[in-house]
């Protein structure tokens, strides 16, 4: 089921977002991600071999890139995604203004990096959490 924006509407009590009508990842996208992770792993391994004492790890984030012809439009699509994913934990919101498809135009991108609860109900990924100051 979708709303007027053709975005999936979650079912009541459903732990995962309803993905009916949502494009699936192409195998080439997955292969690209695997290749990127291998390159990151190689670089982290080289850091370890160099004697670096920094704490470095390899991570993988799921994300949705929301593109609009205005900042407001990109943010509205990002908000619509979050509202339709009730169990999502937003971990980051990078923003970019990039050249548009027509010379002299711009498009605006908000990338919503997310994590969902695992089988134990725990959220993976980093979020910015600090103790309250008293």
N, C-alpha and C. Protein backbone atom coordinates (compact mmCIF):
# COMPACT_ATOMS: atom_id res chain seq x y z
N UNK A 1 0.85 -1.17 0.00
CA UNK A 1 0.00 0.00 0.00
C UNK A 1 0.90 1.24 0.00
N UNK A 2 0.56 2.25 -0.80
CA UNK A 2 1.34 3.48 -0.86
C UNK A 2 0.44 4.67 -0.62
N UNK A 3 1.08 5.80 -0.25
CA UNK A 3 0.31 7.03 -0.06
C UNK A 3 0.36 7.84 -1.34
N UNK A 4 -0.09 9.10 -1.28
CA UNK A 4 -0.15 9.95 -2.47
C UNK A 4 1.23 10.29 -3.03
N UNK A 5 2.29 10.10 -2.24
CA UNK A 5 3.66 10.34 -2.72
C UNK A 5 4.30 9.07 -3.24
N UNK A 6 3.51 7.99 -3.38
CA UNK A 6 4.00 6.69 -3.82
C UNK A 6 5.07 6.13 -2.90
N UNK A 7 4.99 6.45 -1.61
CA UNK A 7 5.90 5.90 -0.62
C UNK A 7 5.17 4.80 0.14
N UNK A 8 5.90 3.76 0.56
CA UNK A 8 5.25 2.68 1.28
C UNK A 8 4.66 3.14 2.61
N UNK A 9 3.50 2.63 2.95
CA UNK A 9 2.85 2.92 4.23
C UNK A 9 3.02 1.69 5.11
N UNK A 10 3.60 1.85 6.33
CA UNK A 10 3.84 0.67 7.17
C UNK A 10 2.54 0.04 7.66
N UNK A 11 2.56 -1.27 7.82
CA UNK A 11 1.43 -1.99 8.38
C UNK A 11 1.49 -1.89 9.90
N UNK A 12 0.36 -1.90 10.54
CA UNK A 12 0.32 -1.81 12.01
C UNK A 12 1.03 -3.01 12.61
N UNK A 13 1.94 -2.77 13.55
CA UNK A 13 2.66 -3.83 14.23
C UNK A 13 3.72 -4.51 13.41
N UNK A 14 4.00 -4.03 12.26
CA UNK A 14 4.99 -4.64 11.37
C UNK A 14 6.37 -4.12 11.73
N UNK A 15 7.33 -5.00 12.02
CA UNK A 15 8.65 -4.60 12.49
C UNK A 15 9.54 -4.03 11.39
N UNK A 16 9.28 -4.38 10.16
CA UNK A 16 10.06 -3.88 9.03
C UNK A 16 9.20 -2.97 8.18
N UNK A 17 9.79 -1.99 7.49
CA UNK A 17 8.98 -1.14 6.62
C UNK A 17 8.38 -1.96 5.48
N UNK A 18 7.18 -1.60 5.06
CA UNK A 18 6.53 -2.24 3.93
C UNK A 18 7.27 -1.82 2.67
N UNK A 19 7.84 -2.79 1.95
CA UNK A 19 8.65 -2.45 0.78
C UNK A 19 7.92 -2.70 -0.54
N UNK A 20 6.61 -2.92 -0.49
CA UNK A 20 5.85 -3.12 -1.72
C UNK A 20 6.03 -1.91 -2.65
N UNK A 21 6.44 -2.16 -3.86
CA UNK A 21 6.59 -1.09 -4.83
C UNK A 21 7.92 -0.35 -4.74
N UNK A 22 8.81 -0.77 -3.84
CA UNK A 22 10.10 -0.11 -3.69
C UNK A 22 11.13 -0.87 -4.51
N UNK A 23 11.98 -0.13 -5.22
CA UNK A 23 13.01 -0.76 -6.05
C UNK A 23 13.96 -1.57 -5.18
N UNK A 24 14.40 -2.68 -5.69
CA UNK A 24 15.36 -3.55 -5.00
C UNK A 24 16.78 -3.19 -5.44
N UNK A 25 17.74 -3.57 -4.63
CA UNK A 25 19.14 -3.35 -4.99
C UNK A 25 19.52 -4.24 -6.15
N UNK A 26 20.19 -3.67 -7.11
CA UNK A 26 20.70 -4.46 -8.23
C UNK A 26 21.93 -5.22 -7.77
N UNK A 27 22.15 -6.43 -8.28
CA UNK A 27 23.35 -7.19 -7.90
C UNK A 27 24.64 -6.39 -8.12
N UNK A 28 24.67 -5.54 -9.15
CA UNK A 28 25.87 -4.74 -9.39
C UNK A 28 26.12 -3.75 -8.25
N UNK A 29 25.04 -3.25 -7.62
CA UNK A 29 25.20 -2.37 -6.46
C UNK A 29 25.83 -3.11 -5.30
N UNK A 30 25.38 -4.34 -5.09
CA UNK A 30 25.94 -5.15 -4.01
C UNK A 30 27.41 -5.48 -4.29
N UNK A 31 27.72 -5.81 -5.54
CA UNK A 31 29.12 -6.10 -5.87
C UNK A 31 29.99 -4.87 -5.67
N UNK A 32 29.47 -3.68 -6.01
CA UNK A 32 30.21 -2.45 -5.80
C UNK A 32 30.47 -2.21 -4.32
N UNK A 33 29.45 -2.47 -3.48
CA UNK A 33 29.61 -2.30 -2.03
C UNK A 33 30.62 -3.29 -1.47
N UNK A 34 30.60 -4.52 -1.96
CA UNK A 34 31.57 -5.51 -1.51
C UNK A 34 32.98 -5.08 -1.90
N UNK A 35 33.15 -4.58 -3.11
CA UNK A 35 34.46 -4.09 -3.55
C UNK A 35 34.94 -2.92 -2.71
N UNK A 36 34.03 -1.99 -2.39
CA UNK A 36 34.39 -0.85 -1.55
C UNK A 36 34.82 -1.30 -0.16
N UNK A 37 34.07 -2.25 0.41
CA UNK A 37 34.42 -2.76 1.73
C UNK A 37 35.79 -3.44 1.72
N UNK A 38 36.10 -4.15 0.65
CA UNK A 38 37.41 -4.80 0.55
C UNK A 38 38.52 -3.76 0.52
N UNK A 39 38.31 -2.67 -0.22
CA UNK A 39 39.32 -1.61 -0.27
C UNK A 39 39.49 -0.95 1.10
N UNK A 40 38.38 -0.72 1.80
CA UNK A 40 38.45 -0.15 3.15
C UNK A 40 39.21 -1.11 4.07
N UNK A 41 38.88 -2.40 3.99
CA UNK A 41 39.55 -3.39 4.82
C UNK A 41 41.06 -3.40 4.54
N UNK A 42 41.43 -3.33 3.28
CA UNK A 42 42.85 -3.29 2.92
C UNK A 42 43.54 -2.08 3.55
N UNK A 43 42.89 -0.93 3.50
CA UNK A 43 43.48 0.29 4.07
C UNK A 43 43.59 0.18 5.60
N UNK A 44 42.56 -0.36 6.25
CA UNK A 44 42.61 -0.53 7.70
C UNK A 44 43.72 -1.51 8.08
N UNK A 45 43.85 -2.59 7.33
CA UNK A 45 44.92 -3.56 7.59
C UNK A 45 46.29 -2.91 7.44
N UNK A 46 46.45 -2.06 6.44
CA UNK A 46 47.72 -1.35 6.24
C UNK A 46 48.00 -0.42 7.42
N UNK A 47 46.95 0.23 7.96
CA UNK A 47 47.14 1.08 9.14
C UNK A 47 47.63 0.25 10.32
N UNK A 48 47.00 -0.91 10.53
CA UNK A 48 47.41 -1.79 11.62
C UNK A 48 48.87 -2.21 11.46
N UNK A 49 49.26 -2.54 10.23
CA UNK A 49 50.63 -2.98 9.97
C UNK A 49 51.64 -1.86 10.17
N UNK A 50 51.18 -0.60 10.04
CA UNK A 50 52.10 0.54 10.17
C UNK A 50 52.39 0.88 11.63
N UNK A 51 51.71 0.20 12.55
CA UNK A 51 51.94 0.47 13.96
C UNK A 51 51.06 1.58 14.51
N UNK A 52 50.06 1.99 13.77
CA UNK A 52 49.14 3.03 14.25
C UNK A 52 48.44 2.57 15.52
N UNK A 53 48.30 3.45 16.47
CA UNK A 53 47.61 3.11 17.72
C UNK A 53 46.16 3.62 17.72
N UNK A 54 45.72 4.21 16.61
CA UNK A 54 44.34 4.70 16.52
C UNK A 54 43.37 3.53 16.49
N UNK A 55 42.19 3.76 17.00
CA UNK A 55 41.14 2.75 16.98
C UNK A 55 40.37 2.93 15.68
N UNK A 56 40.55 2.03 14.74
CA UNK A 56 39.92 2.11 13.42
C UNK A 56 39.19 0.81 13.16
N UNK A 57 37.97 0.90 12.66
CA UNK A 57 37.22 -0.31 12.32
C UNK A 57 36.48 -0.10 11.00
N UNK A 58 36.08 -1.19 10.40
CA UNK A 58 35.33 -1.16 9.15
C UNK A 58 33.85 -1.26 9.49
N UNK A 59 33.03 -0.38 8.91
CA UNK A 59 31.60 -0.39 9.15
C UNK A 59 30.85 -0.34 7.83
N UNK A 60 29.62 -0.73 7.86
CA UNK A 60 28.75 -0.67 6.69
C UNK A 60 27.44 -0.05 7.14
N UNK A 61 27.00 1.00 6.46
CA UNK A 61 25.75 1.67 6.79
C UNK A 61 24.76 1.52 5.64
N UNK A 62 23.52 1.30 5.99
CA UNK A 62 22.45 1.36 5.00
C UNK A 62 22.05 2.83 4.88
N UNK A 63 21.68 3.23 3.69
CA UNK A 63 21.30 4.62 3.51
C UNK A 63 20.31 4.79 2.38
N UNK A 64 19.61 5.92 2.45
CA UNK A 64 18.66 6.31 1.42
C UNK A 64 19.04 7.71 0.98
N UNK A 65 19.27 7.89 -0.32
CA UNK A 65 19.59 9.22 -0.82
C UNK A 65 18.31 9.86 -1.34
N UNK A 66 17.95 11.00 -0.76
CA UNK A 66 16.74 11.72 -1.11
C UNK A 66 17.14 12.95 -1.92
N UNK A 67 16.69 13.02 -3.15
CA UNK A 67 17.09 14.08 -4.07
C UNK A 67 15.89 14.95 -4.40
N UNK A 68 16.10 16.26 -4.35
CA UNK A 68 15.05 17.20 -4.70
C UNK A 68 15.58 18.37 -5.49
N UNK A 69 14.69 19.10 -6.10
CA UNK A 69 15.11 20.30 -6.86
C UNK A 69 15.27 21.50 -5.93
N UNK A 70 14.85 21.34 -4.66
CA UNK A 70 15.06 22.36 -3.63
C UNK A 70 15.51 21.66 -2.36
N UNK A 71 16.10 22.41 -1.45
CA UNK A 71 16.49 21.85 -0.15
C UNK A 71 15.25 21.30 0.55
N UNK A 72 14.17 22.09 0.55
CA UNK A 72 12.94 21.68 1.22
C UNK A 72 12.41 20.36 0.66
N UNK A 73 12.44 20.21 -0.65
CA UNK A 73 11.93 18.98 -1.26
C UNK A 73 12.77 17.77 -0.83
N UNK A 74 14.09 17.89 -0.83
CA UNK A 74 14.95 16.78 -0.41
C UNK A 74 14.71 16.43 1.05
N UNK A 75 14.56 17.45 1.91
CA UNK A 75 14.30 17.21 3.32
C UNK A 75 12.92 16.59 3.55
N UNK A 76 11.93 17.01 2.76
CA UNK A 76 10.58 16.45 2.89
C UNK A 76 10.58 14.96 2.53
N UNK A 77 11.31 14.59 1.50
CA UNK A 77 11.38 13.17 1.12
C UNK A 77 12.10 12.38 2.21
N UNK A 78 13.18 12.95 2.77
CA UNK A 78 13.89 12.28 3.87
C UNK A 78 12.95 12.08 5.06
N UNK A 79 12.18 13.10 5.41
CA UNK A 79 11.23 13.01 6.51
C UNK A 79 10.17 11.95 6.21
N UNK A 80 9.66 11.92 4.99
CA UNK A 80 8.64 10.94 4.62
C UNK A 80 9.20 9.52 4.79
N UNK A 81 10.44 9.31 4.41
CA UNK A 81 11.07 7.99 4.58
C UNK A 81 11.11 7.61 6.06
N UNK A 82 11.58 8.53 6.90
CA UNK A 82 11.71 8.24 8.33
C UNK A 82 10.33 7.98 8.95
N UNK A 83 9.33 8.77 8.57
CA UNK A 83 7.99 8.57 9.12
C UNK A 83 7.40 7.22 8.74
N UNK A 84 7.80 6.69 7.60
CA UNK A 84 7.27 5.41 7.14
C UNK A 84 8.15 4.24 7.56
N UNK A 85 9.15 4.50 8.36
CA UNK A 85 10.04 3.46 8.88
C UNK A 85 10.07 3.59 10.40
N UNK A 86 9.03 3.13 11.07
CA UNK A 86 8.87 3.42 12.50
C UNK A 86 9.97 2.88 13.40
N UNK A 87 10.73 1.88 12.99
CA UNK A 87 11.76 1.31 13.85
C UNK A 87 13.17 1.76 13.45
N UNK A 88 13.25 2.72 12.57
CA UNK A 88 14.54 3.18 12.07
C UNK A 88 15.28 3.99 13.12
N UNK A 89 16.60 3.85 13.14
CA UNK A 89 17.47 4.71 13.95
C UNK A 89 18.33 5.49 12.95
N UNK A 90 18.12 6.78 12.86
CA UNK A 90 18.91 7.61 11.95
C UNK A 90 20.28 7.82 12.58
N UNK A 91 21.34 7.48 11.85
CA UNK A 91 22.69 7.62 12.39
C UNK A 91 23.44 8.82 11.82
N UNK A 92 23.01 9.30 10.66
CA UNK A 92 23.68 10.46 10.06
C UNK A 92 22.81 11.03 8.95
N UNK A 93 22.97 12.35 8.70
CA UNK A 93 22.23 13.03 7.64
C UNK A 93 23.16 13.92 6.81
N UNK A 94 24.03 13.34 6.00
CA UNK A 94 24.85 14.19 5.14
C UNK A 94 23.99 14.93 4.11
N UNK A 95 24.41 16.14 3.77
CA UNK A 95 23.69 17.00 2.83
C UNK A 95 24.66 17.49 1.76
N UNK A 96 24.19 17.59 0.52
CA UNK A 96 25.04 18.12 -0.54
C UNK A 96 24.19 18.87 -1.57
N UNK A 97 24.78 19.92 -2.14
CA UNK A 97 24.20 20.61 -3.29
C UNK A 97 25.12 20.28 -4.45
N UNK A 98 24.58 19.68 -5.50
CA UNK A 98 25.38 19.22 -6.63
C UNK A 98 24.79 19.74 -7.94
N UNK A 99 25.60 19.80 -8.99
CA UNK A 99 25.06 20.22 -10.28
C UNK A 99 23.90 19.32 -10.72
N UNK A 100 22.85 19.94 -11.23
CA UNK A 100 21.67 19.21 -11.65
C UNK A 100 21.84 18.59 -13.03
N UNK A 101 20.79 17.94 -13.51
CA UNK A 101 20.85 17.26 -14.80
C UNK A 101 20.93 18.21 -15.99
N UNK A 102 20.52 19.46 -15.77
CA UNK A 102 20.58 20.47 -16.83
C UNK A 102 21.62 21.51 -16.41
N UNK A 103 22.49 21.88 -17.34
CA UNK A 103 23.53 22.85 -17.02
C UNK A 103 22.92 24.12 -16.42
N UNK A 104 23.55 24.60 -15.36
CA UNK A 104 23.07 25.80 -14.69
C UNK A 104 22.04 25.54 -13.60
N UNK A 105 21.67 24.26 -13.39
CA UNK A 105 20.71 23.93 -12.33
C UNK A 105 21.42 23.17 -11.21
N UNK A 106 20.76 23.11 -10.08
CA UNK A 106 21.29 22.39 -8.92
C UNK A 106 20.27 21.38 -8.46
N UNK A 107 20.75 20.31 -7.84
CA UNK A 107 19.86 19.41 -7.12
C UNK A 107 20.43 19.25 -5.71
N UNK A 108 19.56 18.90 -4.80
CA UNK A 108 19.91 18.85 -3.39
C UNK A 108 19.73 17.42 -2.90
N UNK A 109 20.73 16.91 -2.19
CA UNK A 109 20.71 15.52 -1.73
C UNK A 109 20.86 15.46 -0.21
N UNK A 110 19.95 14.75 0.40
CA UNK A 110 20.04 14.43 1.81
C UNK A 110 20.15 12.91 1.88
N UNK A 111 21.24 12.44 2.42
CA UNK A 111 21.45 11.01 2.56
C UNK A 111 21.13 10.62 3.99
N UNK A 112 20.16 9.75 4.15
CA UNK A 112 19.74 9.30 5.47
C UNK A 112 20.42 7.96 5.74
N UNK A 113 21.45 7.97 6.60
CA UNK A 113 22.11 6.72 6.99
C UNK A 113 21.37 6.16 8.19
N UNK A 114 21.04 4.86 8.13
CA UNK A 114 20.13 4.29 9.11
C UNK A 114 20.60 2.93 9.63
N UNK A 115 19.96 2.54 10.71
CA UNK A 115 20.13 1.21 11.28
C UNK A 115 18.75 0.78 11.78
N UNK A 116 18.51 -0.53 11.77
CA UNK A 116 17.26 -1.09 12.27
C UNK A 116 17.57 -2.08 13.38
N UNK A 117 16.62 -2.34 14.27
CA UNK A 117 16.85 -3.32 15.33
C UNK A 117 17.14 -4.71 14.74
N UNK A 118 18.08 -5.42 15.38
CA UNK A 118 18.37 -6.79 14.96
C UNK A 118 17.37 -7.74 15.62
N UNK A 119 17.61 -9.03 15.51
CA UNK A 119 16.69 -10.03 16.06
C UNK A 119 16.51 -9.89 17.57
N UNK A 120 17.50 -9.29 18.26
CA UNK A 120 17.42 -9.09 19.71
C UNK A 120 16.84 -7.73 20.07
N UNK A 121 16.46 -6.95 19.06
CA UNK A 121 15.91 -5.62 19.31
C UNK A 121 16.96 -4.55 19.53
N UNK A 122 18.23 -4.90 19.31
CA UNK A 122 19.31 -3.94 19.51
C UNK A 122 19.61 -3.21 18.21
N UNK A 123 19.95 -1.93 18.35
CA UNK A 123 20.29 -1.10 17.20
C UNK A 123 21.80 -1.14 17.01
N UNK A 124 22.24 -1.42 15.79
CA UNK A 124 23.66 -1.38 15.48
C UNK A 124 24.01 -0.01 14.95
N UNK A 125 25.27 0.25 14.74
CA UNK A 125 25.69 1.53 14.21
C UNK A 125 25.86 2.56 15.31
N UNK A 126 26.52 3.63 14.97
CA UNK A 126 26.82 4.66 15.95
C UNK A 126 25.74 5.75 15.91
N UNK A 127 25.35 6.19 17.07
CA UNK A 127 24.50 7.37 17.18
C UNK A 127 25.17 8.31 18.16
N UNK A 128 24.84 9.55 18.06
CA UNK A 128 25.46 10.56 18.91
C UNK A 128 24.64 10.69 20.19
N UNK A 129 25.17 10.11 21.25
CA UNK A 129 24.48 10.11 22.53
C UNK A 129 25.45 10.62 23.59
N UNK A 130 25.00 11.54 24.39
CA UNK A 130 25.83 12.07 25.48
C UNK A 130 24.98 12.18 26.73
N UNK A 131 25.64 12.08 27.88
CA UNK A 131 24.93 12.27 29.15
C UNK A 131 24.47 13.72 29.23
N UNK A 132 23.33 13.91 29.90
CA UNK A 132 22.85 15.27 30.11
C UNK A 132 23.73 15.97 31.13
N UNK A 133 23.99 17.23 30.85
CA UNK A 133 24.74 18.01 31.82
C UNK A 133 23.81 18.39 32.95
N UNK A 134 24.35 18.37 34.15
CA UNK A 134 23.53 18.72 35.31
C UNK A 134 24.02 19.96 35.96
